[in-house]
Amino acid sequence: MDFEAAYKSHWTPLFRYVDRMVGDADLAADVVQEAFVRLLDQSLPDEEVRRWLFTVATNLVRDDARMSSRRRRLLSQRYEQADLAHDPAELPDQSVVRAERVAAVRAALAEMPERDRQLLLMREEGFRYAEIAEVIEVAPGSVGTLLARALRRFTEALDPRIAEDEAGRGRRGGDDG
């Protein structure tokens, strides 16, 4: 295994995955660093490194948080502040709408069961069903069904938030009567 090549090719997607799971960039960076430190002690074939890193990172997140109150508090603070990089060409109202939608998505993800959130985030990172199955320890044939259910739960959690945001913008739209 070429550690440097593994680091270069897997650090960014692993960080993105962990950051989406925990909602805290500093914690995500710590988890990713720890996963790579642990990789140093391994002698894996190159084709297994990605799956191994994501599995270790997932387990580190589970060990660290297990949906503790501290994690929930950090996530809610992060959503409220929504410190997002934005397109300078984006109009201020577009930036606000985008920030509200991102906050709604993150809040909906935070409310989901851990396995559902993990399924959706791994799929977003391009994992194949077989890889997802191995990481979350289910039969490969059940991943499609589990993903469909997770997506349905996510949509159900997200829809009221989006509708609420839309209604709020309508009220602020200048109908002062």
Protein backbone atom coordinates (compact mmCIF):
# COMPACT_ATOMS: atom_id res chain seq x y z
CA MET A 1 0.00 0.00 0.00
CA ASP A 2 1.28 3.43 -0.95
CA PHE A 3 0.31 5.58 2.05
CA GLU A 4 1.01 8.90 0.33
CA ALA A 5 -1.15 7.98 -2.66
CA ALA A 6 -3.91 6.76 -0.35
CA TYR A 7 -3.76 10.00 1.61
CA LYS A 8 -3.92 12.13 -1.53
CA SER A 9 -6.81 10.25 -3.07
CA HIS A 10 -8.93 9.56 0.03
CA TRP A 11 -8.45 12.50 2.43
CA THR A 12 -10.94 14.91 0.80
CA PRO A 13 -13.84 12.45 0.31
CA LEU A 14 -13.27 11.00 3.78
CA PHE A 15 -13.24 14.46 5.35
CA ARG A 16 -16.39 15.46 3.44
CA TYR A 17 -18.13 12.27 4.59
CA VAL A 18 -17.16 12.69 8.24
CA ASP A 19 -17.93 16.42 8.24
CA ARG A 20 -21.42 15.66 6.95
CA MET A 21 -21.86 13.04 9.65
CA VAL A 22 -20.74 15.19 12.56
CA GLY A 23 -21.42 18.74 11.36
CA ASP A 24 -18.18 19.98 12.89
CA ALA A 25 -15.15 20.54 10.64
CA ASP A 26 -12.66 20.40 13.52
CA LEU A 27 -14.01 17.11 14.81
CA ALA A 28 -14.13 15.75 11.26
CA ALA A 29 -10.48 16.67 10.70
CA ASP A 30 -9.53 14.93 13.96
CA VAL A 31 -11.43 11.77 12.98
CA VAL A 32 -9.85 11.71 9.52
CA GLN A 33 -6.39 12.24 10.98
CA GLU A 34 -6.92 9.39 13.44
CA ALA A 35 -8.13 7.09 10.65
CA PHE A 36 -5.00 7.80 8.62
CA VAL A 37 -2.76 7.32 11.67
CA ARG A 38 -4.35 3.91 12.15
CA LEU A 39 -3.84 3.15 8.46
CA LEU A 40 -0.08 3.44 8.99
CA ASP A 41 -0.21 0.21 11.02
CA GLN A 42 -2.06 -1.68 8.28
CA SER A 43 -0.81 -3.58 5.29
CA LEU A 44 -3.83 -3.58 3.02
CA PRO A 45 -4.19 -4.07 -0.70
CA ASP A 46 -4.83 -0.72 -2.44
CA GLU A 47 -8.37 -1.73 -3.41
CA GLU A 48 -9.34 -2.19 0.27
CA VAL A 49 -7.92 1.08 1.64
CA ARG A 50 -10.93 3.29 0.85
CA ARG A 51 -13.46 0.95 2.44
CA TRP A 52 -11.19 0.41 5.46
CA LEU A 53 -10.73 4.17 6.01
CA PHE A 54 -14.45 4.90 5.81
CA THR A 55 -15.24 2.00 8.16
CA VAL A 56 -12.66 3.16 10.71
CA ALA A 57 -13.84 6.77 10.46
CA THR A 58 -17.45 5.68 10.93
CA ASN A 59 -16.51 3.67 14.00
CA LEU A 60 -14.51 6.58 15.41
CA VAL A 61 -17.51 8.86 15.00
CA ARG A 62 -19.74 6.30 16.70
CA ASP A 63 -17.31 5.92 19.57
CA ASP A 64 -16.92 9.66 19.98
CA ALA A 65 -20.52 10.73 19.86
CA ARG A 66 -23.26 8.11 19.84
CA MET A 67 -25.69 10.99 19.37
CA SER A 68 -24.71 12.62 22.64
CA SER A 69 -26.24 15.87 23.77
CA ARG A 70 -22.94 17.61 23.11
CA ARG A 71 -23.08 16.57 19.46
CA ARG A 72 -26.66 17.73 19.08
CA ARG A 73 -25.80 21.08 20.63
CA LEU A 74 -22.83 21.54 18.28
CA LEU A 75 -24.92 20.61 15.26
CA SER A 76 -27.70 23.03 16.13
CA GLN A 77 -25.19 25.85 16.67
CA ARG A 78 -23.59 25.07 13.33
CA TYR A 79 -26.95 25.14 11.54
CA GLU A 80 -27.92 28.44 13.11
CA GLN A 81 -24.67 30.08 12.08
CA ALA A 82 -24.55 28.40 8.64
CA ASP A 83 -21.04 29.56 7.90
CA LEU A 84 -21.16 28.73 4.20
CA ALA A 85 -18.90 29.63 1.35
CA HIS A 86 -20.96 31.48 -1.20
CA ASP A 87 -20.63 32.58 -4.78
CA PRO A 88 -19.67 36.29 -4.87
CA ALA A 89 -21.98 36.70 -7.87
CA GLU A 90 -24.87 35.38 -5.78
CA LEU A 91 -27.34 38.05 -4.71
CA PRO A 92 -27.80 38.48 -0.95
CA ASP A 93 -31.33 37.09 -0.99
CA GLN A 94 -30.13 34.06 -2.97
CA SER A 95 -27.41 33.53 -0.40
CA VAL A 96 -29.97 33.63 2.41
CA VAL A 97 -32.25 31.16 0.61
CA ARG A 98 -29.30 28.85 -0.03
CA ALA A 99 -28.17 29.04 3.60
CA GLU A 100 -31.71 28.28 4.82
CA ARG A 101 -31.96 25.27 2.53
CA VAL A 102 -28.57 23.93 3.57
CA ALA A 103 -29.52 24.38 7.22
CA ALA A 104 -32.80 22.56 6.58
CA VAL A 105 -30.99 19.66 4.91
CA ARG A 106 -28.47 19.39 7.73
CA ALA A 107 -31.17 19.57 10.38
CA ALA A 108 -33.18 16.87 8.59
CA LEU A 109 -30.07 14.67 8.43
CA ALA A 110 -29.37 15.27 12.12
CA GLU A 111 -32.85 14.01 13.03
CA MET A 112 -32.45 10.78 11.08
CA PRO A 113 -31.31 7.51 12.61
CA GLU A 114 -27.54 7.11 12.36
CA ARG A 115 -27.71 4.22 9.89
CA ASP A 116 -30.02 6.13 7.52
CA ARG A 117 -27.75 9.16 7.60
CA GLN A 118 -24.72 6.96 7.02
CA LEU A 119 -26.38 5.21 4.07
CA LEU A 120 -27.28 8.49 2.37
CA LEU A 121 -23.89 10.08 2.95
CA MET A 122 -21.96 7.04 1.74
CA ARG A 123 -24.10 6.85 -1.38
CA GLU A 124 -23.47 10.57 -1.95
CA GLU A 125 -19.73 9.84 -1.77
CA GLY A 126 -20.06 7.26 -4.55
CA PHE A 127 -19.84 4.03 -2.61
CA ARG A 128 -21.15 0.93 -4.34
CA TYR A 129 -23.88 -1.08 -2.63
CA ALA A 130 -21.44 -3.87 -1.76
CA GLU A 131 -19.12 -1.41 -0.03
CA ILE A 132 -21.99 0.21 1.88
CA ALA A 133 -23.22 -3.23 2.94
CA GLU A 134 -19.84 -4.16 4.33
CA VAL A 135 -19.41 -0.92 6.27
CA ILE A 136 -22.87 -0.94 7.86
CA GLU A 137 -22.84 -4.71 8.22
CA VAL A 138 -25.94 -5.70 6.25
CA ALA A 139 -26.54 -8.02 3.31
CA PRO A 140 -25.65 -6.37 -0.03
CA GLY A 141 -29.11 -7.18 -1.37
CA SER A 142 -30.76 -5.09 1.32
CA VAL A 143 -28.84 -1.86 0.63
CA GLY A 144 -31.20 -0.68 -2.13
CA THR A 145 -34.25 -1.09 0.08
CA LEU A 146 -32.52 0.53 3.05
CA LEU A 147 -31.42 3.45 0.87
CA ALA A 148 -34.93 3.92 -0.50
CA ARG A 149 -36.36 3.96 3.03
CA ALA A 150 -33.66 6.36 4.23
CA LEU A 151 -34.34 8.66 1.30
CA ARG A 152 -38.07 8.58 2.04
CA ARG A 153 -37.44 9.44 5.70
CA PHE A 154 -35.08 12.22 4.67
CA THR A 155 -37.65 13.65 2.24
CA GLU A 156 -40.36 13.49 4.91
CA ALA A 157 -38.10 15.25 7.41
CA LEU A 158 -37.03 17.85 4.87
CA ASP A 159 -40.37 18.72 3.21
CA PRO A 160 -41.91 20.48 6.24
CA ARG A 161 -38.73 22.54 6.68
CA ILE A 162 -38.67 23.65 3.06
CA ALA A 163 -42.39 24.48 3.16
CA GLU A 164 -41.84 26.41 6.40
CA ASP A 165 -38.95 28.36 4.82
CA GLU A 166 -41.05 29.19 1.76
CA ALA A 167 -43.95 30.37 3.92
CA GLY A 168 -41.60 32.49 6.02
CA ARG A 169 -40.21 34.24 2.94
CA GLY A 170 -43.74 34.90 1.73
CA ARG A 171 -44.60 36.63 5.01
CA ARG A 172 -41.45 38.74 4.83
CA GLY A 173 -42.16 39.62 1.22
CA GLY A 174 -43.74 42.98 2.02
CA ASP A 175 -47.38 42.19 2.80
CA ASP A 176 -47.58 44.78 5.54
CA GLY A 177 -51.27 45.33 4.91
